[in-house]
C-alpha atoms as a PDB file:
ATOM      1  CA  UNK A   1      -0.970   2.795 -15.143  1.00  0.00           C
ATOM      2  CA  UNK A   2      -2.706   6.095 -14.520  1.00  0.00           C
ATOM      3  CA  UNK A   3      -5.654   6.909 -12.301  1.00  0.00           C
ATOM      4  CA  UNK A   4      -7.629  10.059 -12.948  1.00  0.00           C
ATOM      5  CA  UNK A   5      -8.251  12.173  -9.873  1.00  0.00           C
ATOM      6  CA  UNK A   6     -11.851  12.916  -8.961  1.00  0.00           C
ATOM      7  CA  UNK A   7     -13.036  16.509  -8.835  1.00  0.00           C
ATOM      8  CA  UNK A   8     -11.962  17.909  -5.474  1.00  0.00           C
ATOM      9  CA  UNK A   9     -11.219  14.465  -4.062  1.00  0.00           C
ATOM     10  CA  UNK A  10      -8.239  14.568  -1.740  1.00  0.00           C
ATOM     11  CA  UNK A  11      -6.223  11.600  -2.924  1.00  0.00           C
ATOM     12  CA  UNK A  12      -9.174   9.813  -4.499  1.00  0.00           C
ATOM     13  CA  UNK A  13      -9.507   8.669  -8.091  1.00  0.00           C
ATOM     14  CA  UNK A  14     -12.571   8.581 -10.301  1.00  0.00           C
ATOM     15  CA  UNK A  15     -12.765   4.827  -9.770  1.00  0.00           C
ATOM     16  CA  UNK A  16     -13.064   5.384  -5.999  1.00  0.00           C
ATOM     17  CA  UNK A  17      -9.563   4.261  -5.055  1.00  0.00           C
ATOM     18  CA  UNK A  18      -7.354   6.267  -2.730  1.00  0.00           C
ATOM     19  CA  UNK A  19      -4.221   7.505  -4.535  1.00  0.00           C
ATOM     20  CA  UNK A  20      -1.492   9.188  -2.505  1.00  0.00           C
ATOM     21  CA  UNK A  21       1.910  10.675  -3.453  1.00  0.00           C
ATOM     22  CA  UNK A  22       3.563   7.517  -2.121  1.00  0.00           C
ATOM     23  CA  UNK A  23       1.462   5.459  -4.545  1.00  0.00           C
ATOM     24  CA  UNK A  24       2.742   7.555  -7.440  1.00  0.00           C
ATOM     25  CA  UNK A  25       6.310   6.783  -6.416  1.00  0.00           C
ATOM     26  CA  UNK A  26       5.588   3.042  -6.420  1.00  0.00           C
ATOM     27  CA  UNK A  27       4.150   3.335  -9.908  1.00  0.00           C
ATOM     28  CA  UNK A  28       7.072   5.322 -11.335  1.00  0.00           C
ATOM     29  CA  UNK A  29      10.177   4.081  -9.489  1.00  0.00           C
ATOM     30  CA  UNK A  30      12.371   2.205 -11.997  1.00  0.00           C
ATOM     31  CA  UNK A  31      13.126  -0.544  -9.487  1.00  0.00           C
ATOM     32  CA  UNK A  32       9.608  -1.108  -8.195  1.00  0.00           C
ATOM     33  CA  UNK A  33       7.390  -0.126 -11.148  1.00  0.00           C
ATOM     34  CA  UNK A  34       7.622  -3.585 -12.807  1.00  0.00           C
ATOM     35  CA  UNK A  35       6.237  -5.191  -9.629  1.00  0.00           C
ATOM     36  CA  UNK A  36       3.592  -2.489  -9.267  1.00  0.00           C
ATOM     37  CA  UNK A  37       2.388  -3.109 -12.809  1.00  0.00           C
ATOM     38  CA  UNK A  38       2.506  -6.903 -12.438  1.00  0.00           C
ATOM     39  CA  UNK A  39       0.463  -6.822  -9.235  1.00  0.00           C
ATOM     40  CA  UNK A  40      -2.001  -4.326 -10.760  1.00  0.00           C
ATOM     41  CA  UNK A  41      -2.617  -6.793 -13.594  1.00  0.00           C
ATOM     42  CA  UNK A  42      -2.625  -9.927 -11.435  1.00  0.00           C
ATOM     43  CA  UNK A  43      -3.789  -9.697  -7.830  1.00  0.00           C
ATOM     44  CA  UNK A  44      -3.262 -13.448  -7.378  1.00  0.00           C
ATOM     45  CA  UNK A  45       0.456 -12.950  -8.102  1.00  0.00           C
ATOM     46  CA  UNK A  46       0.609 -10.327  -5.340  1.00  0.00           C
ATOM     47  CA  UNK A  47      -1.032 -12.616  -2.789  1.00  0.00           C
ATOM     48  CA  UNK A  48       1.191 -15.558  -3.774  1.00  0.00           C
ATOM     49  CA  UNK A  49       4.340 -13.447  -3.423  1.00  0.00           C
ATOM     50  CA  UNK A  50       3.104 -11.936  -0.156  1.00  0.00           C
ATOM     51  CA  UNK A  51       2.322 -15.374   1.309  1.00  0.00           C
ATOM     52  CA  UNK A  52       5.799 -16.613   0.385  1.00  0.00           C
ATOM     53  CA  UNK A  53       7.490 -13.534   1.885  1.00  0.00           C
ATOM     54  CA  UNK A  54       5.390 -13.826   5.059  1.00  0.00           C
ATOM     55  CA  UNK A  55       6.267 -17.525   5.374  1.00  0.00           C
ATOM     56  CA  UNK A  56       9.982 -16.874   4.950  1.00  0.00           C
ATOM     57  CA  UNK A  57       9.985 -14.012   7.456  1.00  0.00           C
ATOM     58  CA  UNK A  58       8.088 -16.173   9.960  1.00  0.00           C
ATOM     59  CA  UNK A  59      10.644 -18.952   9.567  1.00  0.00           C
ATOM     60  CA  UNK A  60      13.473 -16.596  10.551  1.00  0.00           C
ATOM     61  CA  UNK A  61      11.634 -15.343  13.631  1.00  0.00           C
ATOM     62  CA  UNK A  62       9.717 -12.229  12.542  1.00  0.00           C
ATOM     63  CA  UNK A  63       7.082 -11.236  15.103  1.00  0.00           C
ATOM     64  CA  UNK A  64       3.685 -10.184  13.775  1.00  0.00           C
ATOM     65  CA  UNK A  65       2.078  -9.209  17.071  1.00  0.00           C
ATOM     66  CA  UNK A  66       3.203  -6.103  18.914  1.00  0.00           C
ATOM     67  CA  UNK A  67       2.832  -6.399  22.713  1.00  0.00           C
ATOM     68  CA  UNK A  68       0.144  -3.922  23.757  1.00  0.00           C
ATOM     69  CA  UNK A  69      -1.020  -3.488  20.161  1.00  0.00           C
ATOM     70  CA  UNK A  70      -0.576  -0.515  17.871  1.00  0.00           C
ATOM     71  CA  UNK A  71      -2.056   2.694  19.192  1.00  0.00           C
ATOM     72  CA  UNK A  72      -2.769   5.894  17.302  1.00  0.00           C
ATOM     73  CA  UNK A  73      -2.668   8.925  19.599  1.00  0.00           C
ATOM     74  CA  UNK A  74      -5.488  11.448  19.557  1.00  0.00           C
ATOM     75  CA  UNK A  75      -4.835  14.526  17.460  1.00  0.00           C
ATOM     76  CA  UNK A  76      -6.275  17.999  17.222  1.00  0.00           C
ATOM     77  CA  UNK A  77      -8.666  17.865  14.230  1.00  0.00           C
ATOM     78  CA  UNK A  78      -8.874  21.657  14.150  1.00  0.00           C
ATOM     79  CA  UNK A  79      -5.323  21.670  12.696  1.00  0.00           C
ATOM     80  CA  UNK A  80      -6.467  19.864   9.542  1.00  0.00           C
END
């Protein structure tokens, strides 16, 4: 699975998808690549596996709501 980068697009591909260095690792890691490829071919398989994992984590007490919510602090855009 290879996405072509758009001209000058920071992390974007020609098909409009964001593609970051971490995505490349998922696609090439020997342990995870088979799952990456399977889910790329079959989105329904991803959602079925995700639903099952979410259910199992919920059954053992995982908390999905963070008290106070998730906050992203302001940052100095001039440093970009």
